[in-house]
Amino acid sequence: SFGQRSKESLIRLAAGRQVDVVWDKRDRYGRIVGKVLVSQEGCVGSCPKVDAGLRQIEAGMAWHYKQYAAEQTPEDRRRYAEAEENTRAKRLGLWGDPKPVPPWEWRHRNGN
């Protein structure tokens, strides 16, 4: 139920910016499993990039997909888990819904 708002948030975060994808595997459906790094707004040249997935979690626009947590670096795993925990506690974004449905469950229910 939160998919469209999450998509719009990600567009605002990444549209028109330099994006790098750091990855080393594909899942069983052939999708890339990795981390998306986005240049900061107004950045020209070599600037630090932000982790788009972490930003989405911090805004309550995404879940920490724990199925792949073991494949994250220990630091990323900790940061993603803490971000989700903090966002849940503040009831931001999707956590404002009394019964949020994880996207993997939604896809399963809807045959996607």
PDB file of N, CA and C in Angstrom:
ATOM      1  N   SER A   1       0.814  -1.204   0.000  1.00  0.00           N
ATOM      2  CA  SER A   1       0.000   0.000   0.000  1.00  0.00           C
ATOM      3  C   SER A   1       0.852   1.260   0.000  1.00  0.00           C
ATOM      4  N   PHE A   2       2.100   1.148   0.329  1.00  0.00           N
ATOM      5  CA  PHE A   2       2.981   2.315   0.422  1.00  0.00           C
ATOM      6  C   PHE A   2       3.897   2.437  -0.792  1.00  0.00           C
ATOM      7  N   GLY A   3       3.744   1.530  -1.757  1.00  0.00           N
ATOM      8  CA  GLY A   3       4.661   1.465  -2.889  1.00  0.00           C
ATOM      9  C   GLY A   3       4.793   2.738  -3.690  1.00  0.00           C
ATOM     10  N   GLN A   4       3.672   3.394  -3.997  1.00  0.00           N
ATOM     11  CA  GLN A   4       3.722   4.601  -4.829  1.00  0.00           C
ATOM     12  C   GLN A   4       4.453   5.728  -4.101  1.00  0.00           C
ATOM     13  N   ARG A   5       4.183   5.903  -2.817  1.00  0.00           N
ATOM     14  CA  ARG A   5       4.871   6.956  -2.053  1.00  0.00           C
ATOM     15  C   ARG A   5       6.365   6.665  -1.945  1.00  0.00           C
ATOM     16  N   SER A   6       6.709   5.391  -1.791  1.00  0.00           N
ATOM     17  CA  SER A   6       8.113   5.008  -1.735  1.00  0.00           C
ATOM     18  C   SER A   6       8.804   5.314  -3.066  1.00  0.00           C
ATOM     19  N   LYS A   7       8.123   4.986  -4.143  1.00  0.00           N
ATOM     20  CA  LYS A   7       8.664   5.251  -5.482  1.00  0.00           C
ATOM     21  C   LYS A   7       8.894   6.752  -5.682  1.00  0.00           C
ATOM     22  N   GLU A   8       7.932   7.561  -5.288  1.00  0.00           N
ATOM     23  CA  GLU A   8       8.065   9.012  -5.438  1.00  0.00           C
ATOM     24  C   GLU A   8       9.218   9.546  -4.599  1.00  0.00           C
ATOM     25  N   SER A   9       9.398   9.010  -3.407  1.00  0.00           N
ATOM     26  CA  SER A   9      10.500   9.408  -2.551  1.00  0.00           C
ATOM     27  C   SER A   9      11.847   9.075  -3.192  1.00  0.00           C
ATOM     28  N   LEU A  10      11.940   7.888  -3.772  1.00  0.00           N
ATOM     29  CA  LEU A  10      13.180   7.476  -4.423  1.00  0.00           C
ATOM     30  C   LEU A  10      13.467   8.332  -5.657  1.00  0.00           C
ATOM     31  N   ILE A  11      12.424   8.688  -6.387  1.00  0.00           N
ATOM     32  CA  ILE A  11      12.612   9.571  -7.547  1.00  0.00           C
ATOM     33  C   ILE A  11      13.172  10.913  -7.087  1.00  0.00           C
ATOM     34  N   ARG A  12      12.602  11.482  -6.023  1.00  0.00           N
ATOM     35  CA  ARG A  12      13.109  12.767  -5.504  1.00  0.00           C
ATOM     36  C   ARG A  12      14.572  12.647  -5.067  1.00  0.00           C
ATOM     37  N   LEU A  13      14.929  11.515  -4.519  1.00  0.00           N
ATOM     38  CA  LEU A  13      16.290  11.299  -4.034  1.00  0.00           C
ATOM     39  C   LEU A  13      17.300  11.145  -5.178  1.00  0.00           C
ATOM     40  N   ALA A  14      16.897  10.492  -6.268  1.00  0.00           N
ATOM     41  CA  ALA A  14      17.873  10.093  -7.283  1.00  0.00           C
ATOM     42  C   ALA A  14      17.755  10.775  -8.643  1.00  0.00           C
ATOM     43  N   ALA A  15      16.606  11.331  -8.970  1.00  0.00           N
ATOM     44  CA  ALA A  15      16.401  11.882 -10.317  1.00  0.00           C
ATOM     45  C   ALA A  15      17.418  12.971 -10.646  1.00  0.00           C
ATOM     46  N   GLY A  16      18.041  12.825 -11.798  1.00  0.00           N
ATOM     47  CA  GLY A  16      18.984  13.816 -12.283  1.00  0.00           C
ATOM     48  C   GLY A  16      20.335  13.811 -11.592  1.00  0.00           C
ATOM     49  N   ARG A  17      20.606  12.804 -10.805  1.00  0.00           N
ATOM     50  CA  ARG A  17      21.873  12.741 -10.076  1.00  0.00           C
ATOM     51  C   ARG A  17      22.714  11.561 -10.552  1.00  0.00           C
ATOM     52  N   GLN A  18      23.985  11.618 -10.254  1.00  0.00           N
ATOM     53  CA  GLN A  18      24.890  10.511 -10.560  1.00  0.00           C
ATOM     54  C   GLN A  18      24.561   9.354  -9.631  1.00  0.00           C
ATOM     55  N   VAL A  19      24.404   8.150 -10.193  1.00  0.00           N
ATOM     56  CA  VAL A  19      24.072   6.973  -9.401  1.00  0.00           C
ATOM     57  C   VAL A  19      25.097   5.878  -9.677  1.00  0.00           C
ATOM     58  N   ASP A  20      25.571   5.240  -8.624  1.00  0.00           N
ATOM     59  CA  ASP A  20      26.446   4.082  -8.735  1.00  0.00           C
ATOM     60  C   ASP A  20      25.760   2.912  -8.049  1.00  0.00           C
ATOM     61  N   VAL A  21      25.881   1.735  -8.629  1.00  0.00           N
ATOM     62  CA  VAL A  21      25.344   0.528  -8.012  1.00  0.00           C
ATOM     63  C   VAL A  21      26.517  -0.390  -7.693  1.00  0.00           C
ATOM     64  N   VAL A  22      26.658  -0.717  -6.419  1.00  0.00           N
ATOM     65  CA  VAL A  22      27.725  -1.609  -5.960  1.00  0.00           C
ATOM     66  C   VAL A  22      27.076  -2.962  -5.715  1.00  0.00           C
ATOM     67  N   TRP A  23      27.519  -3.968  -6.465  1.00  0.00           N
ATOM     68  CA  TRP A  23      26.885  -5.281  -6.339  1.00  0.00           C
ATOM     69  C   TRP A  23      27.847  -6.374  -6.736  1.00  0.00           C
ATOM     70  N   ASP A  24      27.511  -7.608  -6.301  1.00  0.00           N
ATOM     71  CA  ASP A  24      28.327  -8.749  -6.697  1.00  0.00           C
ATOM     72  C   ASP A  24      27.501 -10.015  -6.865  1.00  0.00           C
ATOM     73  N   LYS A  25      26.182  -9.882  -6.909  1.00  0.00           N
ATOM     74  CA  LYS A  25      25.362 -11.072  -7.144  1.00  0.00           C
ATOM     75  C   LYS A  25      24.001 -10.693  -7.711  1.00  0.00           C
ATOM     76  N   ARG A  26      23.331 -11.701  -8.214  1.00  0.00           N
ATOM     77  CA  ARG A  26      21.943 -11.575  -8.652  1.00  0.00           C
ATOM     78  C   ARG A  26      21.120 -12.578  -7.854  1.00  0.00           C
ATOM     79  N   ASP A  27      19.847 -12.244  -7.643  1.00  0.00           N
ATOM     80  CA  ASP A  27      18.984 -13.187  -6.930  1.00  0.00           C
ATOM     81  C   ASP A  27      18.468 -14.254  -7.898  1.00  0.00           C
ATOM     82  N   ARG A  28      17.610 -15.122  -7.422  1.00  0.00           N
ATOM     83  CA  ARG A  28      17.145 -16.233  -8.250  1.00  0.00           C
ATOM     84  C   ARG A  28      16.294 -15.787  -9.433  1.00  0.00           C
ATOM     85  N   TYR A  29      15.844 -14.535  -9.422  1.00  0.00           N
ATOM     86  CA  TYR A  29      15.065 -13.995 -10.545  1.00  0.00           C
ATOM     87  C   TYR A  29      15.936 -13.195 -11.507  1.00  0.00           C
ATOM     88  N   GLY A  30      17.233 -13.144 -11.225  1.00  0.00           N
ATOM     89  CA  GLY A  30      18.160 -12.420 -12.082  1.00  0.00           C
ATOM     90  C   GLY A  30      18.305 -10.949 -11.736  1.00  0.00           C
ATOM     91  N   ARG A  31      17.672 -10.508 -10.636  1.00  0.00           N
ATOM     92  CA  ARG A  31      17.764  -9.117 -10.233  1.00  0.00           C
ATOM     93  C   ARG A  31      19.077  -8.866  -9.502  1.00  0.00           C
ATOM     94  N   ILE A  32      19.643  -7.700  -9.714  1.00  0.00           N
ATOM     95  CA  ILE A  32      20.870  -7.312  -9.032  1.00  0.00           C
ATOM     96  C   ILE A  32      20.567  -7.066  -7.556  1.00  0.00           C
ATOM     97  N   VAL A  33      21.411  -7.625  -6.699  1.00  0.00           N
ATOM     98  CA  VAL A  33      21.324  -7.381  -5.255  1.00  0.00           C
ATOM     99  C   VAL A  33      22.539  -6.529  -4.911  1.00  0.00           C
ATOM    100  N   GLY A  34      22.306  -5.299  -4.515  1.00  0.00           N
ATOM    101  CA  GLY A  34      23.426  -4.420  -4.237  1.00  0.00           C
ATOM    102  C   GLY A  34      22.999  -3.165  -3.514  1.00  0.00           C
ATOM    103  N   LYS A  35      23.878  -2.195  -3.512  1.00  0.00           N
ATOM    104  CA  LYS A  35      23.652  -0.924  -2.829  1.00  0.00           C
ATOM    105  C   LYS A  35      23.703   0.185  -3.870  1.00  0.00           C
ATOM    106  N   VAL A  36      22.720   1.097  -3.785  1.00  0.00           N
ATOM    107  CA  VAL A  36      22.631   2.228  -4.713  1.00  0.00           C
ATOM    108  C   VAL A  36      23.164   3.466  -4.006  1.00  0.00           C
ATOM    109  N   LEU A  37      24.172   4.062  -4.602  1.00  0.00           N
ATOM    110  CA  LEU A  37      24.787   5.274  -4.052  1.00  0.00           C
ATOM    111  C   LEU A  37      24.454   6.441  -4.969  1.00  0.00           C
ATOM    112  N   VAL A  38      23.973   7.537  -4.386  1.00  0.00           N
ATOM    113  CA  VAL A  38      23.483   8.681  -5.152  1.00  0.00           C
ATOM    114  C   VAL A  38      24.274   9.927  -4.757  1.00  0.00           C
ATOM    115  N   SER A  39      24.665  10.717  -5.773  1.00  0.00           N
ATOM    116  CA  SER A  39      25.372  11.966  -5.474  1.00  0.00           C
ATOM    117  C   SER A  39      24.424  12.928  -4.770  1.00  0.00           C
ATOM    118  N   GLN A  40      24.988  13.802  -3.986  1.00  0.00           N
ATOM    119  CA  GLN A  40      24.185  14.776  -3.256  1.00  0.00           C
ATOM    120  C   GLN A  40      23.728  15.879  -4.205  1.00  0.00           C
ATOM    121  N   GLU A  41      22.597  16.484  -3.886  1.00  0.00           N
ATOM    122  CA  GLU A  41      22.034  17.533  -4.736  1.00  0.00           C
ATOM    123  C   GLU A  41      23.038  18.662  -4.912  1.00  0.00           C
ATOM    124  N   GLY A  42      23.176  19.122  -6.143  1.00  0.00           N
ATOM    125  CA  GLY A  42      24.070  20.223  -6.447  1.00  0.00           C
ATOM    126  C   GLY A  42      25.527  19.839  -6.550  1.00  0.00           C
ATOM    127  N   CYS A  43      25.832  18.572  -6.401  1.00  0.00           N
ATOM    128  CA  CYS A  43      27.212  18.105  -6.434  1.00  0.00           C
ATOM    129  C   CYS A  43      27.724  18.066  -7.870  1.00  0.00           C
ATOM    130  N   VAL A  44      28.914  18.589  -8.076  1.00  0.00           N
ATOM    131  CA  VAL A  44      29.575  18.521  -9.375  1.00  0.00           C
ATOM    132  C   VAL A  44      30.957  17.927  -9.137  1.00  0.00           C
ATOM    133  N   GLY A  45      31.299  16.917  -9.928  1.00  0.00           N
ATOM    134  CA  GLY A  45      32.605  16.297  -9.769  1.00  0.00           C
ATOM    135  C   GLY A  45      32.568  15.144  -8.789  1.00  0.00           C
ATOM    136  N   SER A  46      33.639  15.018  -8.026  1.00  0.00           N
ATOM    137  CA  SER A  46      33.785  13.901  -7.105  1.00  0.00           C
ATOM    138  C   SER A  46      33.305  14.298  -5.704  1.00  0.00           C
ATOM    139  N   CYS A  47      32.060  13.943  -5.408  1.00  0.00           N
ATOM    140  CA  CYS A  47      31.473  14.263  -4.101  1.00  0.00           C
ATOM    141  C   CYS A  47      31.073  12.975  -3.404  1.00  0.00           C
ATOM    142  N   PRO A  48      30.982  13.013  -2.092  1.00  0.00           N
ATOM    143  CA  PRO A  48      30.506  11.822  -1.377  1.00  0.00           C
ATOM    144  C   PRO A  48      29.080  11.475  -1.818  1.00  0.00           C
ATOM    145  N   LYS A  49      28.788  10.198  -1.849  1.00  0.00           N
ATOM    146  CA  LYS A  49      27.461   9.741  -2.245  1.00  0.00           C
ATOM    147  C   LYS A  49      26.727   9.216  -1.021  1.00  0.00           C
ATOM    148  N   VAL A  50      25.395   9.268  -1.085  1.00  0.00           N
ATOM    149  CA  VAL A  50      24.575   8.758   0.005  1.00  0.00           C
ATOM    150  C   VAL A  50      23.990   7.410  -0.407  1.00  0.00           C
ATOM    151  N   ASP A  51      23.750   6.582   0.575  1.00  0.00           N
ATOM    152  CA  ASP A  51      23.164   5.265   0.369  1.00  0.00           C
ATOM    153  C   ASP A  51      21.649   5.443   0.234  1.00  0.00           C
ATOM    154  N   ALA A  52      21.134   5.259  -0.979  1.00  0.00           N
ATOM    155  CA  ALA A  52      19.709   5.494  -1.244  1.00  0.00           C
ATOM    156  C   ALA A  52      18.817   4.560  -0.433  1.00  0.00           C
ATOM    157  N   GLY A  53      19.212   3.313  -0.288  1.00  0.00           N
ATOM    158  CA  GLY A  53      18.416   2.372   0.487  1.00  0.00           C
ATOM    159  C   GLY A  53      18.317   2.789   1.944  1.00  0.00           C
ATOM    160  N   LEU A  54      19.436   3.210   2.517  1.00  0.00           N
ATOM    161  CA  LEU A  54      19.445   3.659   3.904  1.00  0.00           C
ATOM    162  C   LEU A  54      18.582   4.904   4.063  1.00  0.00           C
ATOM    163  N   ARG A  55      18.685   5.825   3.119  1.00  0.00           N
ATOM    164  CA  ARG A  55      17.857   7.041   3.178  1.00  0.00           C
ATOM    165  C   ARG A  55      16.374   6.697   3.116  1.00  0.00           C
ATOM    166  N   GLN A  56      16.015   5.733   2.273  1.00  0.00           N
ATOM    167  CA  GLN A  56      14.612   5.321   2.165  1.00  0.00           C
ATOM    168  C   GLN A  56      14.133   4.709   3.486  1.00  0.00           C
ATOM    169  N   ILE A  57      14.968   3.902   4.109  1.00  0.00           N
ATOM    170  CA  ILE A  57      14.609   3.291   5.399  1.00  0.00           C
ATOM    171  C   ILE A  57      14.454   4.377   6.462  1.00  0.00           C
ATOM    172  N   GLU A  58      15.391   5.333   6.491  1.00  0.00           N
ATOM    173  CA  GLU A  58      15.343   6.414   7.478  1.00  0.00           C
ATOM    174  C   GLU A  58      14.083   7.270   7.332  1.00  0.00           C
ATOM    175  N   ALA A  59      13.564   7.377   6.115  1.00  0.00           N
ATOM    176  CA  ALA A  59      12.363   8.180   5.858  1.00  0.00           C
ATOM    177  C   ALA A  59      11.075   7.374   6.051  1.00  0.00           C
ATOM    178  N   GLY A  60      11.214   6.089   6.343  1.00  0.00           N
ATOM    179  CA  GLY A  60      10.029   5.241   6.482  1.00  0.00           C
ATOM    180  C   GLY A  60       9.427   4.881   5.147  1.00  0.00           C
ATOM    181  N   MET A  61      10.252   4.868   4.116  1.00  0.00           N
ATOM    182  CA  MET A  61       9.797   4.569   2.757  1.00  0.00           C
ATOM    183  C   MET A  61      10.198   3.177   2.295  1.00  0.00           C
ATOM    184  N   ALA A  62      10.931   2.445   3.133  1.00  0.00           N
ATOM    185  CA  ALA A  62      11.387   1.113   2.753  1.00  0.00           C
ATOM    186  C   ALA A  62      11.650   0.280   4.000  1.00  0.00           C
ATOM    187  N   TRP A  63      11.666  -1.011   3.803  1.00  0.00           N
ATOM    188  CA  TRP A  63      11.971  -1.973   4.855  1.00  0.00           C
ATOM    189  C   TRP A  63      13.436  -2.400   4.722  1.00  0.00           C
ATOM    190  N   HIS A  64      14.027  -2.808   5.825  1.00  0.00           N
ATOM    191  CA  HIS A  64      15.334  -3.461   5.771  1.00  0.00           C
ATOM    192  C   HIS A  64      15.053  -4.912   5.390  1.00  0.00           C
ATOM    193  N   TYR A  65      15.446  -5.301   4.207  1.00  0.00           N
ATOM    194  CA  TYR A  65      15.155  -6.645   3.692  1.00  0.00           C
ATOM    195  C   TYR A  65      16.120  -7.620   4.349  1.00  0.00           C
ATOM    196  N   LYS A  66      15.722  -8.157   5.466  1.00  0.00           N
ATOM    197  CA  LYS A  66      16.615  -8.962   6.292  1.00  0.00           C
ATOM    198  C   LYS A  66      17.018 -10.292   5.664  1.00  0.00           C
ATOM    199  N   GLN A  67      16.312 -10.723   4.633  1.00  0.00           N
ATOM    200  CA  GLN A  67      16.695 -11.960   3.943  1.00  0.00           C
ATOM    201  C   GLN A  67      18.119 -11.846   3.401  1.00  0.00           C
ATOM    202  N   TYR A  68      18.523 -10.633   3.042  1.00  0.00           N
ATOM    203  CA  TYR A  68      19.864 -10.426   2.496  1.00  0.00           C
ATOM    204  C   TYR A  68      20.810  -9.764   3.505  1.00  0.00           C
ATOM    205  N   ALA A  69      20.386  -9.585   4.739  1.00  0.00           N
ATOM    206  CA  ALA A  69      21.209  -8.898   5.730  1.00  0.00           C
ATOM    207  C   ALA A  69      22.561  -9.584   5.943  1.00  0.00           C
ATOM    208  N   ALA A  70      22.586 -10.897   5.883  1.00  0.00           N
ATOM    209  CA  ALA A  70      23.844 -11.621   6.093  1.00  0.00           C
ATOM    210  C   ALA A  70      24.863 -11.317   4.997  1.00  0.00           C
ATOM    211  N   GLU A  71      24.381 -10.815   3.870  1.00  0.00           N
ATOM    212  CA  GLU A  71      25.279 -10.493   2.760  1.00  0.00           C
ATOM    213  C   GLU A  71      25.757  -9.043   2.806  1.00  0.00           C
ATOM    214  N   GLN A  72      25.209  -8.266   3.744  1.00  0.00           N
ATOM    215  CA  GLN A  72      25.667  -6.894   3.908  1.00  0.00           C
ATOM    216  C   GLN A  72      26.935  -6.884   4.745  1.00  0.00           C
ATOM    217  N   THR A  73      27.675  -5.790   4.660  1.00  0.00           N
ATOM    218  CA  THR A  73      28.804  -5.636   5.567  1.00  0.00           C
ATOM    219  C   THR A  73      28.233  -5.512   6.977  1.00  0.00           C
ATOM    220  N   PRO A  74      28.993  -5.874   7.991  1.00  0.00           N
ATOM    221  CA  PRO A  74      28.481  -5.714   9.361  1.00  0.00           C
ATOM    222  C   PRO A  74      28.036  -4.280   9.655  1.00  0.00           C
ATOM    223  N   GLU A  75      28.777  -3.299   9.143  1.00  0.00           N
ATOM    224  CA  GLU A  75      28.422  -1.894   9.372  1.00  0.00           C
ATOM    225  C   GLU A  75      27.095  -1.542   8.694  1.00  0.00           C
ATOM    226  N   ASP A  76      26.902  -1.955   7.431  1.00  0.00           N
ATOM    227  CA  ASP A  76      25.637  -1.679   6.744  1.00  0.00           C
ATOM    228  C   ASP A  76      24.476  -2.398   7.430  1.00  0.00           C
ATOM    229  N   ARG A  77      24.702  -3.631   7.821  1.00  0.00           N
ATOM    230  CA  ARG A  77      23.650  -4.403   8.505  1.00  0.00           C
ATOM    231  C   ARG A  77      23.210  -3.683   9.776  1.00  0.00           C
ATOM    232  N   ARG A  78      24.170  -3.184  10.549  1.00  0.00           N
ATOM    233  CA  ARG A  78      23.860  -2.454  11.775  1.00  0.00           C
ATOM    234  C   ARG A  78      23.122  -1.147  11.469  1.00  0.00           C
ATOM    235  N   ARG A  79      23.623  -0.394  10.493  1.00  0.00           N
ATOM    236  CA  ARG A  79      23.018   0.899  10.153  1.00  0.00           C
ATOM    237  C   ARG A  79      21.595   0.726   9.638  1.00  0.00           C
ATOM    238  N   TYR A  80      21.365  -0.262   8.775  1.00  0.00           N
ATOM    239  CA  TYR A  80      20.018  -0.489   8.224  1.00  0.00           C
ATOM    240  C   TYR A  80      19.064  -0.929   9.335  1.00  0.00           C
ATOM    241  N   ALA A  81      19.502  -1.845  10.189  1.00  0.00           N
ATOM    242  CA  ALA A  81      18.643  -2.338  11.271  1.00  0.00           C
ATOM    243  C   ALA A  81      18.303  -1.213  12.244  1.00  0.00           C
ATOM    244  N   GLU A  82      19.296  -0.412  12.627  1.00  0.00           N
ATOM    245  CA  GLU A  82      19.047   0.705  13.541  1.00  0.00           C
ATOM    246  C   GLU A  82      18.116   1.734  12.909  1.00  0.00           C
ATOM    247  N   ALA A  83      18.313   2.004  11.629  1.00  0.00           N
ATOM    248  CA  ALA A  83      17.455   2.977  10.945  1.00  0.00           C
ATOM    249  C   ALA A  83      16.007   2.503  10.949  1.00  0.00           C
ATOM    250  N   GLU A  84      15.781   1.223  10.646  1.00  0.00           N
ATOM    251  CA  GLU A  84      14.411   0.726  10.651  1.00  0.00           C
ATOM    252  C   GLU A  84      13.825   0.771  12.060  1.00  0.00           C
ATOM    253  N   GLU A  85      14.596   0.377  13.045  1.00  0.00           N
ATOM    254  CA  GLU A  85      14.117   0.386  14.433  1.00  0.00           C
ATOM    255  C   GLU A  85      13.722   1.804  14.860  1.00  0.00           C
ATOM    256  N   ASN A  86      14.573   2.790  14.557  1.00  0.00           N
ATOM    257  CA  ASN A  86      14.294   4.181  14.919  1.00  0.00           C
ATOM    258  C   ASN A  86      13.074   4.723  14.177  1.00  0.00           C
ATOM    259  N   THR A  87      12.969   4.389  12.903  1.00  0.00           N
ATOM    260  CA  THR A  87      11.854   4.868  12.095  1.00  0.00           C
ATOM    261  C   THR A  87      10.541   4.242  12.558  1.00  0.00           C
ATOM    262  N   ARG A  88      10.577   2.959  12.891  1.00  0.00           N
ATOM    263  CA  ARG A  88       9.378   2.291  13.439  1.00  0.00           C
ATOM    264  C   ARG A  88       8.940   2.980  14.730  1.00  0.00           C
ATOM    265  N   ALA A  89       9.892   3.256  15.618  1.00  0.00           N
ATOM    266  CA  ALA A  89       9.570   3.872  16.904  1.00  0.00           C
ATOM    267  C   ALA A  89       8.925   5.247  16.725  1.00  0.00           C
ATOM    268  N   LYS A  90       9.348   5.969  15.706  1.00  0.00           N
ATOM    269  CA  LYS A  90       8.798   7.305  15.430  1.00  0.00           C
ATOM    270  C   LYS A  90       7.525   7.245  14.588  1.00  0.00           C
ATOM    271  N   ARG A  91       7.188   6.035  14.099  1.00  0.00           N
ATOM    272  CA  ARG A  91       6.006   5.810  13.265  1.00  0.00           C
ATOM    273  C   ARG A  91       6.030   6.680  12.001  1.00  0.00           C
ATOM    274  N   LEU A  92       7.217   6.800  11.405  1.00  0.00           N
ATOM    275  CA  LEU A  92       7.368   7.583  10.184  1.00  0.00           C
ATOM    276  C   LEU A  92       6.989   6.753   8.971  1.00  0.00           C
ATOM    277  N   GLY A  93       6.503   7.418   7.953  1.00  0.00           N
ATOM    278  CA  GLY A  93       6.229   6.767   6.672  1.00  0.00           C
ATOM    279  C   GLY A  93       5.329   5.561   6.812  1.00  0.00           C
ATOM    280  N   LEU A  94       5.756   4.459   6.248  1.00  0.00           N
ATOM    281  CA  LEU A  94       4.945   3.241   6.241  1.00  0.00           C
ATOM    282  C   LEU A  94       4.661   2.733   7.645  1.00  0.00           C
ATOM    283  N   TRP A  95       5.483   3.123   8.615  1.00  0.00           N
ATOM    284  CA  TRP A  95       5.287   2.673   9.993  1.00  0.00           C
ATOM    285  C   TRP A  95       4.137   3.401  10.682  1.00  0.00           C
ATOM    286  N   GLY A  96       3.563   4.401  10.020  1.00  0.00           N
ATOM    287  CA  GLY A  96       2.363   5.041  10.533  1.00  0.00           C
ATOM    288  C   GLY A  96       1.126   4.200  10.296  1.00  0.00           C
ATOM    289  N   ASP A  97       1.247   3.227   9.399  1.00  0.00           N
ATOM    290  CA  ASP A  97       0.150   2.300   9.123  1.00  0.00           C
ATOM    291  C   ASP A  97       0.058   1.313  10.290  1.00  0.00           C
ATOM    292  N   PRO A  98      -1.146   1.049  10.801  1.00  0.00           N
ATOM    293  CA  PRO A  98      -1.236   0.124  11.933  1.00  0.00           C
ATOM    294  C   PRO A  98      -0.800  -1.305  11.609  1.00  0.00           C
ATOM    295  N   LYS A  99      -0.912  -1.721  10.346  1.00  0.00           N
ATOM    296  CA  LYS A  99      -0.505  -3.073   9.950  1.00  0.00           C
ATOM    297  C   LYS A  99       0.238  -3.016   8.610  1.00  0.00           C
ATOM    298  N   PRO A 100       1.458  -2.487   8.593  1.00  0.00           N
ATOM    299  CA  PRO A 100       2.182  -2.414   7.322  1.00  0.00           C
ATOM    300  C   PRO A 100       2.482  -3.817   6.791  1.00  0.00           C
ATOM    301  N   VAL A 101       2.388  -3.956   5.476  1.00  0.00           N
ATOM    302  CA  VAL A 101       2.629  -5.248   4.831  1.00  0.00           C
ATOM    303  C   VAL A 101       3.973  -5.183   4.105  1.00  0.00           C
ATOM    304  N   PRO A 102       4.897  -6.081   4.452  1.00  0.00           N
ATOM    305  CA  PRO A 102       6.187  -6.086   3.738  1.00  0.00           C
ATOM    306  C   PRO A 102       5.969  -6.312   2.246  1.00  0.00           C
ATOM    307  N   PRO A 103       6.757  -5.672   1.407  1.00  0.00           N
ATOM    308  CA  PRO A 103       6.557  -5.801  -0.035  1.00  0.00           C
ATOM    309  C   PRO A 103       6.656  -7.237  -0.538  1.00  0.00           C
ATOM    310  N   TRP A 104       7.521  -8.058   0.074  1.00  0.00           N
ATOM    311  CA  TRP A 104       7.646  -9.448  -0.371  1.00  0.00           C
ATOM    312  C   TRP A 104       6.369 -10.226  -0.058  1.00  0.00           C
ATOM    313  N   GLU A 105       5.685  -9.879   1.029  1.00  0.00           N
ATOM    314  CA  GLU A 105       4.402 -10.521   1.327  1.00  0.00           C
ATOM    315  C   GLU A 105       3.316 -10.025   0.381  1.00  0.00           C
ATOM    316  N   TRP A 106       3.321  -8.724   0.106  1.00  0.00           N
ATOM    317  CA  TRP A 106       2.339  -8.146  -0.812  1.00  0.00           C
ATOM    318  C   TRP A 106       2.457  -8.785  -2.192  1.00  0.00           C
ATOM    319  N   ARG A 107       3.700  -8.916  -2.678  1.00  0.00           N
ATOM    320  CA  ARG A 107       3.907  -9.545  -4.006  1.00  0.00           C
ATOM    321  C   ARG A 107       3.418 -10.973  -4.003  1.00  0.00           C
ATOM    322  N   HIS A 108       3.694 -11.709  -2.935  1.00  0.00           N
ATOM    323  CA  HIS A 108       3.268 -13.097  -2.839  1.00  0.00           C
ATOM    324  C   HIS A 108       1.736 -13.208  -2.868  1.00  0.00           C
ATOM    325  N   ARG A 109       1.074 -12.349  -2.109  1.00  0.00           N
ATOM    326  CA  ARG A 109      -0.397 -12.349  -2.063  1.00  0.00           C
ATOM    327  C   ARG A 109      -1.022 -11.983  -3.403  1.00  0.00           C
ATOM    328  N   ASN A 110      -0.346 -11.111  -4.142  1.00  0.00           N
ATOM    329  CA  ASN A 110      -0.896 -10.589  -5.391  1.00  0.00           C
ATOM    330  C   ASN A 110      -0.320 -11.256  -6.631  1.00  0.00           C
ATOM    331  N   GLY A 111       0.410 -12.334  -6.447  1.00  0.00           N
ATOM    332  CA  GLY A 111       0.951 -13.096  -7.574  1.00  0.00           C
ATOM    333  C   GLY A 111       2.016 -12.389  -8.371  1.00  0.00           C
ATOM    334  N   ASN A 112       2.745 -11.474  -7.734  1.00  0.00           N
ATOM    335  CA  ASN A 112       3.818 -10.739  -8.432  1.00  0.00           C
ATOM    336  C   ASN A 112       5.172 -11.265  -8.028  1.00  0.00           C
TER     337      ASN A 112
END
